[in-house]
Protein backbone atom coordinates (compact mmCIF):
# COMPACT_ATOMS: atom_id res chain seq x y z
CA VAL A 1 37.84 105.78 87.42
CA ASN A 2 38.52 102.19 88.37
CA MET A 3 37.02 101.81 91.83
CA GLU A 4 38.63 98.37 92.16
CA GLN A 5 42.15 99.71 91.81
CA THR A 6 44.47 98.34 94.48
CA ASP A 7 47.31 99.75 96.54
CA TYR A 8 50.72 98.16 97.27
CA ASP A 9 49.03 95.64 99.59
CA SER A 10 46.37 94.72 96.99
CA ARG A 11 43.74 96.54 99.07
CA THR A 12 40.83 98.24 97.37
CA ALA A 13 38.83 101.26 98.48
CA LEU A 14 36.28 98.77 99.83
CA HIS A 15 38.95 97.14 102.01
CA ILE A 16 39.97 100.50 103.47
CA ALA A 17 36.41 101.72 104.02
CA ALA A 18 35.45 98.44 105.72
CA ALA A 19 38.54 98.43 107.93
CA GLU A 20 38.02 102.06 108.98
CA GLY A 21 34.27 101.70 109.60
CA HIS A 22 33.09 104.14 106.91
CA VAL A 23 29.53 102.87 106.39
CA GLU A 24 28.57 105.57 103.86
CA VAL A 25 31.59 104.80 101.69
CA VAL A 26 30.89 101.06 101.81
CA ILE A 27 27.30 101.73 100.71
CA PHE A 28 28.51 103.99 97.88
CA LEU A 29 31.04 101.44 96.65
CA THR A 30 28.55 98.59 96.75
CA GLU A 31 25.33 100.25 95.58
CA THR A 32 26.62 102.85 93.14
CA CYS A 33 29.96 101.48 91.94
CA ARG A 34 29.04 97.80 92.33
CA VAL A 35 32.61 96.79 93.14
CA ASN A 36 33.63 93.17 93.55
CA PRO A 37 33.34 92.28 97.26
CA PHE A 38 35.41 89.12 96.88
CA LEU A 39 38.76 90.69 95.97
CA LYS A 40 41.52 89.59 98.37
CA ASP A 41 44.41 91.65 99.64
CA ARG A 42 47.96 90.33 99.94
CA TRP A 43 47.06 88.59 103.22
CA GLY A 44 44.11 86.78 101.63
CA ASN A 45 41.43 88.94 103.26
CA ALA A 46 38.31 90.30 101.62
CA ALA A 47 36.78 93.59 102.79
CA VAL A 48 34.28 91.72 104.97
CA ASP A 49 37.19 90.08 106.81
CA ASP A 50 38.63 93.51 107.61
CA ALA A 51 35.26 94.70 108.90
CA MET A 52 35.02 91.62 111.14
CA GLN A 53 38.56 92.06 112.44
CA PHE A 54 37.88 95.65 113.51
CA GLY A 55 34.40 94.98 114.93
CA HIS A 56 32.37 96.95 112.38
CA ASN A 57 29.28 94.76 112.61
CA VAL A 58 27.00 97.00 110.52
CA ILE A 59 29.52 96.86 107.67
CA VAL A 60 29.86 93.09 108.08
CA SER A 61 26.09 92.76 107.61
CA ILE A 62 26.07 95.08 104.60
CA LEU A 63 28.95 93.24 102.94
CA GLN A 64 27.58 89.75 103.63
CA GLU A 65 24.27 90.71 102.04
CA TYR A 66 26.06 92.39 99.14
CA GLN A 67 28.22 89.30 98.59
CA ARG A 68 25.08 87.19 98.31
CA ILE A 69 23.47 89.60 95.84
CA TYR A 70 26.72 90.06 93.89
CA SER A 71 27.16 86.29 93.52
CA ASP A 72 23.59 85.80 92.35
CA SER A 73 23.66 88.66 89.85
CA ASN A 74 27.07 87.80 88.40
CA SER A 75 26.55 84.09 87.94
CA THR A 76 24.99 84.68 84.50
CA CYS A 77 26.93 87.87 83.75
CA GLU A 78 30.25 86.09 83.95
CA THR A 79 29.18 83.68 81.25
CA GLU A 80 27.93 86.52 79.04
CA GLU A 81 31.12 88.49 79.69
CA GLN A 82 33.25 85.48 78.84
CA LYS A 83 31.33 85.05 75.57
CA SER A 84 31.82 88.71 74.75
CA THR A 85 35.55 88.46 75.44
CA LEU A 86 35.79 85.32 73.35
CA ASP A 87 33.94 87.02 70.47
CA THR A 88 36.33 89.98 70.67
CA LEU A 89 39.33 87.66 70.60
CA LYS A 90 37.91 85.81 67.60
CA LYS A 91 37.39 89.09 65.70
CA THR A 92 40.88 90.31 66.59
CA THR A 93 42.58 87.14 65.40
CA LYS A 94 40.75 87.27 62.03
CA LEU A 95 42.22 90.71 61.28
């Protein structure tokens, strides 16, 4: 299951959980599913913005920390993922 799937407003499960104040769901999506916390909805808001707007300060703290960790851990992964994608494209075009 793609936990980063979006609805008609480009909102993810993380957006909804943050906006509604569901701490346990936010923790599940970040710790277990490791979803991207930087995805923006059609209004340009990330999940942390929704949590701020609705005054869910615990979720704001969780998401800000997760954004920091996510950025640090994905800085090298993106490069490796791009290489992997490039290698796949090279193999496909040789067929």
